[in-house]
Amino acid sequence: MEPVEEIVIVGAGIAGLATALGLHRKGVKSLVLESSPTLRSTGFALGIWTNAWRALDALEIGNKAREHHLLVERVTVLSPSSGATLGEIRLEEIEGKKSTVGQLERCFWVLIGGDGINSVVAKYLGLKKPSFSGRLAIRGLAEYPTNHGFKPYFIQINGQGFRAGMIPCTERVMYWFFAWHPSVNGSEKADESTTAMREFIVKTLSNSKVPKEIIEVIQRSEFEEVRSSPLRYRSPFSLLFGDITKRNICVIGDAFHPMTPDLGQGGCLALEDTVILARCLSEAVYQNKIEEGLEEFAKIRRWRCAKVVTIAYVVGLLQQSGNWFVRILREMLLGWFMAKALLKIPDYDCGNL
């Protein structure tokens, strides 16, 4: 009996679909499984840094994606206590290189888990459950009837027990986020209702030196679809020493390396995964060495992902801390350092397919 697609991808999110596309570019067929019977409108925005653009270019969809995005020109970090600018970095888009593809006539049974932070495949591999960072986050969108008038800057406000920011998605839509420790200032009840969430965020920002324009963005947002969510991450030790692959099974994306969103790299690392896995797996199919190909993928990704998960956690902890010593250090030095860190992590090239 002629075999059907024998590479099965669990989860039709960013990682799953991009992996399927990467394999398709290499002439390898795959089957994507998704539990939802219909398309869902979830999430708010996806930040695409340089490393992700390189991955999208390798998948040959970078130019198409550029037609639907707004280029951010600058990252600005503000002090919540004084309103002063602590750090400012200009951003430049770096073009990647496109890849050539080949064709294959046969493939072998492989299971790829791209099924998110609560991954069943990760559980099967024995990876530890993601840990709670002790922080919650709310994300939202503010829509304007015409141009909102904001420059294409990524504005961040860090400290006093919270971390907030906003960034334009289009000329009419602003994305914003707010992260906090639920045990601070009685805010553990902030997510009991949409009204309570809005009042808590506006009150917290109003008690700081945050520009009124930022508060107005949040006040304009519709809170019906806004929910707070715990920020979780997988221990770097689990990434370094756990079973990312086992025989013919592996994980990618949030099923592999869930992290706090403090570097905006979750989706970007998932796209890196897809290109590297498609390359390793297609080469392994050519040589009939599937297990070795998956092990090579794990070898390439372990340290990179553990590093980014660690830095994201530490940066979020320092940025949000209300400790007086950390606050002084942050406002004197760390604002500039953290802004630079936002550029160093994306300076990674996953290569071509």
Protein backbone atom coordinates (compact mmCIF):
# COMPACT_ATOMS: atom_id res chain seq x y z
CA MET A 1 0.00 0.00 0.00
CA GLU A 2 1.38 3.41 -0.96
CA PRO A 3 2.08 5.45 2.23
CA VAL A 4 0.38 8.81 2.76
CA GLU A 5 2.05 11.85 4.35
CA GLU A 6 4.12 10.38 7.16
CA ILE A 7 5.28 13.61 8.77
CA VAL A 8 2.50 14.67 11.13
CA ILE A 9 2.46 18.15 12.69
CA VAL A 10 0.23 18.67 15.72
CA GLY A 11 -1.06 22.26 15.90
CA ALA A 12 -1.87 24.75 13.14
CA GLY A 13 -0.35 27.79 14.82
CA ILE A 14 2.63 29.85 13.64
CA ALA A 15 5.15 27.05 14.28
CA GLY A 16 3.06 24.25 12.81
CA LEU A 17 2.02 25.99 9.60
CA ALA A 18 5.47 27.49 8.99
CA THR A 19 7.11 24.08 9.44
CA ALA A 20 4.68 22.55 6.96
CA LEU A 21 5.52 25.32 4.50
CA GLY A 22 9.26 24.83 5.01
CA LEU A 23 8.96 21.11 4.36
CA HIS A 24 6.79 21.82 1.31
CA ARG A 25 9.49 24.13 -0.07
CA LYS A 26 11.90 21.20 0.24
CA GLY A 27 9.48 18.84 -1.49
CA VAL A 28 8.49 16.96 1.68
CA LYS A 29 4.79 16.35 2.33
CA SER A 30 3.27 16.68 5.79
CA LEU A 31 -0.12 16.50 7.47
CA VAL A 32 -1.14 19.28 9.92
CA LEU A 33 -3.63 18.40 12.66
CA GLU A 34 -5.67 21.07 14.47
CA SER A 35 -8.28 20.55 17.20
CA SER A 36 -10.31 23.65 16.35
CA PRO A 37 -12.91 22.99 13.63
CA THR A 38 -12.84 26.61 12.42
CA LEU A 39 -10.48 29.55 12.13
CA ARG A 40 -10.29 31.54 15.36
CA SER A 41 -9.68 35.26 15.85
CA THR A 42 -7.37 35.17 18.87
CA GLY A 43 -4.41 37.22 19.98
CA PHE A 44 -3.67 40.86 19.33
CA ALA A 45 -0.35 41.50 17.55
CA LEU A 46 2.85 39.78 16.46
CA GLY A 47 6.17 41.58 16.67
CA ILE A 48 8.51 40.48 13.89
CA TRP A 49 12.16 41.20 14.63
CA THR A 50 15.14 40.77 12.30
CA ASN A 51 15.60 37.07 13.08
CA ALA A 52 11.95 36.38 12.23
CA TRP A 53 12.18 38.34 8.95
CA ARG A 54 15.15 36.19 7.98
CA ALA A 55 13.11 33.07 8.71
CA LEU A 56 10.16 34.38 6.70
CA ASP A 57 12.49 35.17 3.81
CA ALA A 58 13.86 31.62 3.98
CA LEU A 59 10.27 30.40 3.74
CA GLU A 60 9.80 32.75 0.76
CA ILE A 61 6.94 34.72 2.31
CA GLY A 62 8.90 37.64 3.75
CA ASN A 63 8.00 40.08 0.99
CA LYS A 64 4.32 39.19 1.24
CA ALA A 65 4.37 39.79 4.99
CA ARG A 66 6.07 43.16 4.51
CA GLU A 67 3.03 44.35 2.57
CA HIS A 68 0.92 44.04 5.72
CA HIS A 69 3.13 45.41 8.48
CA LEU A 70 4.14 48.76 9.90
CA LEU A 71 7.89 49.28 10.26
CA VAL A 72 8.82 50.42 13.77
CA GLU A 73 11.58 53.01 13.71
CA ARG A 74 12.52 53.38 17.37
CA VAL A 75 12.37 51.76 20.83
CA THR A 76 11.86 54.28 23.65
CA VAL A 77 12.03 53.38 27.36
CA LEU A 78 10.33 55.81 29.78
CA SER A 79 10.59 56.15 33.58
CA PRO A 80 7.23 55.76 35.38
CA SER A 81 8.45 57.90 38.27
CA SER A 82 9.70 60.91 36.29
CA GLY A 83 8.43 60.42 32.74
CA ALA A 84 11.99 60.91 31.47
CA THR A 85 13.41 58.92 28.56
CA LEU A 86 15.81 56.28 29.94
CA GLY A 87 16.91 54.81 26.65
CA GLU A 88 16.22 55.16 22.95
CA ILE A 89 17.41 52.97 20.11
CA ARG A 90 16.79 53.42 16.39
CA LEU A 91 15.85 50.30 14.49
CA GLU A 92 16.83 49.25 11.00
CA GLU A 93 15.34 46.49 8.92
CA ILE A 94 17.89 43.96 7.65
CA GLU A 95 16.96 42.04 4.55
CA GLY A 96 17.52 38.32 4.52
CA LYS A 97 18.42 35.98 1.71
CA LYS A 98 16.10 33.69 -0.12
CA SER A 99 16.75 30.02 -0.46
CA THR A 100 16.60 27.44 -3.21
CA VAL A 101 14.55 24.30 -2.81
CA GLY A 102 14.69 20.77 -4.07
CA GLN A 103 12.23 17.90 -4.52
CA LEU A 104 11.92 14.57 -2.74
CA GLU A 105 10.03 11.44 -3.69
CA ARG A 106 9.65 9.80 -0.25
CA CYS A 107 9.29 10.67 3.43
CA PHE A 108 9.14 8.82 6.76
CA TRP A 109 6.91 8.82 9.84
CA VAL A 110 7.67 11.77 12.13
CA LEU A 111 5.58 13.51 14.82
CA ILE A 112 6.19 17.24 15.35
CA GLY A 113 4.53 18.89 18.34
CA GLY A 114 3.56 22.48 17.65
CA ASP A 115 0.62 22.31 20.04
CA GLY A 116 1.40 25.28 22.26
CA ILE A 117 2.28 25.89 25.88
CA ASN A 118 0.08 23.02 27.14
CA SER A 119 1.58 20.63 24.62
CA VAL A 120 0.56 16.97 24.81
CA VAL A 121 3.63 16.04 22.77
CA ALA A 122 5.96 17.86 25.21
CA LYS A 123 4.29 15.96 28.07
CA TYR A 124 4.89 12.68 26.24
CA LEU A 125 8.57 13.57 25.80
CA GLY A 126 8.81 14.15 29.56
CA LEU A 127 9.48 17.90 29.47
CA LYS A 128 8.53 19.65 32.70
CA LYS A 129 5.44 21.83 32.76
CA PRO A 130 6.05 25.54 32.18
CA SER A 131 6.59 27.50 35.42
CA PHE A 132 4.55 30.50 36.52
CA SER A 133 6.69 33.67 36.56
CA GLY A 134 4.54 35.28 39.27
CA ARG A 135 3.27 37.87 36.80
CA LEU A 136 0.08 38.43 34.83
CA ALA A 137 -0.37 40.34 31.58
CA ILE A 138 -3.21 42.05 29.76
CA ARG A 139 -3.06 42.89 26.07
CA GLY A 140 -5.40 44.95 23.96
CA LEU A 141 -6.03 46.97 20.81
CA ALA A 142 -7.27 50.52 20.43
CA GLU A 143 -8.91 51.36 17.13
CA TYR A 144 -9.30 54.88 15.75
CA PRO A 145 -11.73 56.04 13.04
CA THR A 146 -8.87 57.81 11.27
CA ASN A 147 -5.12 58.20 11.84
CA HIS A 148 -4.20 57.88 15.53
CA GLY A 149 -1.29 60.29 15.09
CA PHE A 150 1.36 58.24 16.94
CA LYS A 151 4.84 57.89 15.45
CA PRO A 152 6.06 54.36 14.64
CA TYR A 153 7.86 54.00 17.97
CA PHE A 154 7.78 51.16 20.49
CA ILE A 155 7.23 52.90 23.83
CA GLN A 156 7.91 51.07 27.11
CA ILE A 157 7.30 52.08 30.73
CA ASN A 158 9.09 49.92 33.29
CA GLY A 159 9.10 49.91 37.09
CA GLN A 160 6.96 50.58 40.16
CA GLY A 161 5.74 46.99 40.11
CA PHE A 162 4.42 47.02 36.54
CA ARG A 163 5.56 47.02 32.96
CA ALA A 164 3.55 48.61 30.15
CA GLY A 165 4.02 49.59 26.54
CA MET A 166 2.39 50.37 23.25
CA ILE A 167 3.22 50.13 19.59
CA PRO A 168 1.29 51.01 16.41
CA CYS A 169 0.09 48.11 14.27
CA THR A 170 -1.34 50.27 11.49
CA GLU A 171 -2.18 53.95 11.09
CA ARG A 172 -5.53 53.29 12.79
CA VAL A 173 -4.71 50.57 15.35
CA MET A 174 -2.54 50.71 18.49
CA TYR A 175 -1.44 47.60 20.40
CA TRP A 176 -0.76 47.88 24.13
CA PHE A 177 0.20 45.60 27.02
CA PHE A 178 0.30 45.81 30.80
CA ALA A 179 2.07 43.27 33.07
CA TRP A 180 2.08 43.20 36.86
CA HIS A 181 2.48 41.10 40.01
CA PRO A 182 -1.04 40.11 41.13
CA SER A 183 -0.14 40.36 44.83
CA VAL A 184 0.84 44.05 44.63
CA ASN A 185 -1.60 46.78 45.75
CA GLY A 186 -4.56 44.42 45.93
CA SER A 187 -4.41 43.88 42.18
CA GLU A 188 -5.12 40.15 42.55
CA LYS A 189 -8.79 41.14 42.00
CA ALA A 190 -8.09 43.19 38.90
CA ASP A 191 -9.22 40.47 36.50
CA GLU A 192 -12.58 39.77 38.14
CA SER A 193 -14.33 41.91 35.51
CA THR A 194 -13.48 44.00 32.47
CA THR A 195 -14.44 47.14 34.39
CA ALA A 196 -12.11 46.22 37.26
CA MET A 197 -9.24 45.58 34.83
CA ARG A 198 -9.68 48.91 33.09
CA GLU A 199 -9.94 50.80 36.40
CA PHE A 200 -6.88 49.07 37.83
CA ILE A 201 -4.69 49.77 34.79
CA VAL A 202 -5.80 53.40 34.41
CA LYS A 203 -5.37 54.07 38.13
CA THR A 204 -1.90 52.50 38.22
CA LEU A 205 -0.69 54.47 35.21
CA SER A 206 -2.33 57.69 36.41
CA ASN A 207 -0.40 57.46 39.69
CA SER A 208 2.87 57.49 37.74
CA LYS A 209 4.35 59.99 35.31
CA VAL A 210 3.14 58.13 32.25
CA PRO A 211 2.11 60.47 29.39
CA LYS A 212 -1.66 60.99 29.20
CA GLU A 213 -1.65 59.85 25.56
CA ILE A 214 -0.76 56.31 26.66
CA ILE A 215 -3.59 56.21 29.20
CA GLU A 216 -6.01 57.46 26.55
CA VAL A 217 -5.04 54.55 24.26
CA ILE A 218 -6.04 52.07 26.97
CA GLN A 219 -9.26 53.94 27.79
CA ARG A 220 -10.26 53.77 24.13
CA SER A 221 -9.86 49.99 23.95
CA GLU A 222 -12.75 47.56 24.01
CA PHE A 223 -12.28 45.29 27.02
CA GLU A 224 -14.89 42.67 26.17
CA GLU A 225 -12.26 40.44 24.56
CA VAL A 226 -9.45 41.38 26.95
CA ARG A 227 -8.43 38.83 29.58
CA SER A 228 -5.47 38.64 31.90
CA SER A 229 -3.18 35.65 31.43
CA PRO A 230 -0.36 34.18 33.54
CA LEU A 231 3.14 34.60 32.12
CA ARG A 232 4.83 31.21 32.04
CA TYR A 233 8.15 29.88 30.85
CA ARG A 234 9.99 26.57 30.57
CA SER A 235 13.04 26.22 32.78
CA PRO A 236 16.31 26.77 30.83
CA PHE A 237 17.66 23.60 32.51
CA SER A 238 14.77 21.65 31.01
CA LEU A 239 15.61 23.08 27.59
CA LEU A 240 19.29 22.21 27.96
CA PHE A 241 18.96 18.73 29.43
CA GLY A 242 15.39 17.60 28.72
CA ASP A 243 14.19 15.48 25.81
CA ILE A 244 13.38 17.92 23.01
CA THR A 245 13.39 14.94 20.68
CA LYS A 246 12.92 11.24 21.22
CA ARG A 247 13.40 8.85 18.32
CA ASN A 248 11.10 10.29 15.62
CA ILE A 249 9.28 12.88 17.79
CA CYS A 250 10.14 16.52 18.52
CA VAL A 251 8.59 19.81 19.66
CA ILE A 252 8.74 23.35 18.28
CA GLY A 253 7.49 26.82 19.18
CA ASP A 254 5.67 27.29 22.49
CA ALA A 255 5.50 23.53 22.92
CA PHE A 256 9.30 23.66 23.07
CA HIS A 257 10.32 26.99 24.65
CA PRO A 258 7.45 28.97 26.20
CA MET A 259 8.78 32.26 27.59
CA THR A 260 7.71 35.55 29.10
CA PRO A 261 6.99 38.20 26.43
CA ASP A 262 9.56 40.72 27.68
CA LEU A 263 11.73 40.49 24.56
CA GLY A 264 8.88 39.98 22.08
CA GLN A 265 10.64 36.87 20.80
CA GLY A 266 8.18 34.01 21.30
CA GLY A 267 6.85 33.95 17.74
CA CYS A 268 10.23 34.90 16.31
CA LEU A 269 11.97 31.90 17.89
CA ALA A 270 9.16 29.68 16.63
CA LEU A 271 9.88 30.83 13.07
CA GLU A 272 13.60 30.13 13.62
CA ASP A 273 12.61 26.60 14.72
CA THR A 274 10.62 25.97 11.58
CA VAL A 275 13.39 26.82 9.12
CA ILE A 276 16.05 24.86 11.01
CA LEU A 277 13.79 21.85 11.52
CA ALA A 278 12.69 21.80 7.88
CA ARG A 279 16.32 21.93 6.79
CA CYS A 280 17.51 19.22 9.21
CA LEU A 281 14.53 16.97 8.56
CA SER A 282 14.61 17.22 4.77
CA GLU A 283 18.32 16.43 4.73
CA ALA A 284 17.64 13.48 7.04
CA VAL A 285 14.95 12.19 4.69
CA TYR A 286 17.43 12.27 1.81
CA GLN A 287 19.84 10.17 3.87
CA ASN A 288 17.23 7.99 5.61
CA LYS A 289 18.49 9.23 9.01
CA ILE A 290 15.41 10.75 10.66
CA GLU A 291 16.55 10.33 14.26
CA GLU A 292 19.93 11.90 13.54
CA GLY A 293 18.24 14.82 11.78
CA LEU A 294 16.01 15.55 14.77
CA GLU A 295 18.97 15.29 17.12
CA GLU A 296 20.83 17.84 15.00
CA PHE A 297 17.84 20.18 15.28
CA ALA A 298 17.85 19.81 19.07
CA LYS A 299 21.59 20.41 19.21
CA ILE A 300 21.28 23.66 17.26
CA ARG A 301 18.29 24.96 19.23
CA ARG A 302 19.01 24.07 22.88
CA TRP A 303 21.44 26.84 23.82
CA ARG A 304 19.84 29.50 21.67
CA CYS A 305 16.38 28.96 23.18
CA ALA A 306 17.64 28.55 26.76
CA LYS A 307 19.55 31.81 26.42
CA VAL A 308 16.58 33.80 25.13
CA VAL A 309 14.16 32.34 27.72
CA THR A 310 16.61 33.27 30.51
CA ILE A 311 17.22 36.81 29.28
CA ALA A 312 13.50 37.42 28.77
CA TYR A 313 12.76 36.33 32.35
CA VAL A 314 15.57 38.42 33.88
CA VAL A 315 14.78 41.51 31.80
CA GLY A 316 11.11 41.31 32.77
CA LEU A 317 12.02 40.92 36.44
CA LEU A 318 14.35 43.93 36.39
CA GLN A 319 12.08 46.11 34.29
CA GLN A 320 9.05 45.56 36.48
CA SER A 321 10.72 45.60 39.90
CA GLY A 322 9.63 48.26 42.38
CA ASN A 323 12.71 47.77 44.58
CA TRP A 324 14.37 51.14 45.24
CA PHE A 325 17.90 49.93 44.45
CA VAL A 326 16.83 48.23 41.21
CA ARG A 327 14.84 51.36 40.29
CA ILE A 328 17.88 53.63 40.73
CA LEU A 329 20.11 51.22 38.80
CA ARG A 330 17.48 50.86 36.07
CA GLU A 331 17.01 54.58 35.60
CA MET A 332 20.75 55.30 35.62
CA LEU A 333 22.00 52.44 33.48
CA LEU A 334 19.62 49.56 32.73
CA GLY A 335 17.25 51.53 30.49
CA TRP A 336 19.94 51.91 27.84
CA PHE A 337 21.21 48.36 28.43
CA MET A 338 17.77 46.80 28.03
CA ALA A 339 17.05 48.77 24.89
CA LYS A 340 20.31 47.44 23.43
CA ALA A 341 19.36 43.90 24.49
CA LEU A 342 16.23 44.17 22.36
CA LEU A 343 18.48 44.49 19.32
CA LYS A 344 21.16 41.95 20.22
CA ILE A 345 18.85 38.95 20.60
CA PRO A 346 17.25 39.38 17.12
CA ASP A 347 20.69 39.52 15.48
CA TYR A 348 20.51 35.82 14.64
CA ASP A 349 20.35 34.13 11.26
CA CYS A 350 18.64 30.75 11.05
CA GLY A 351 20.03 30.27 7.54
CA ASN A 352 18.32 29.09 4.39
CA LEU A 353 16.22 26.01 3.87
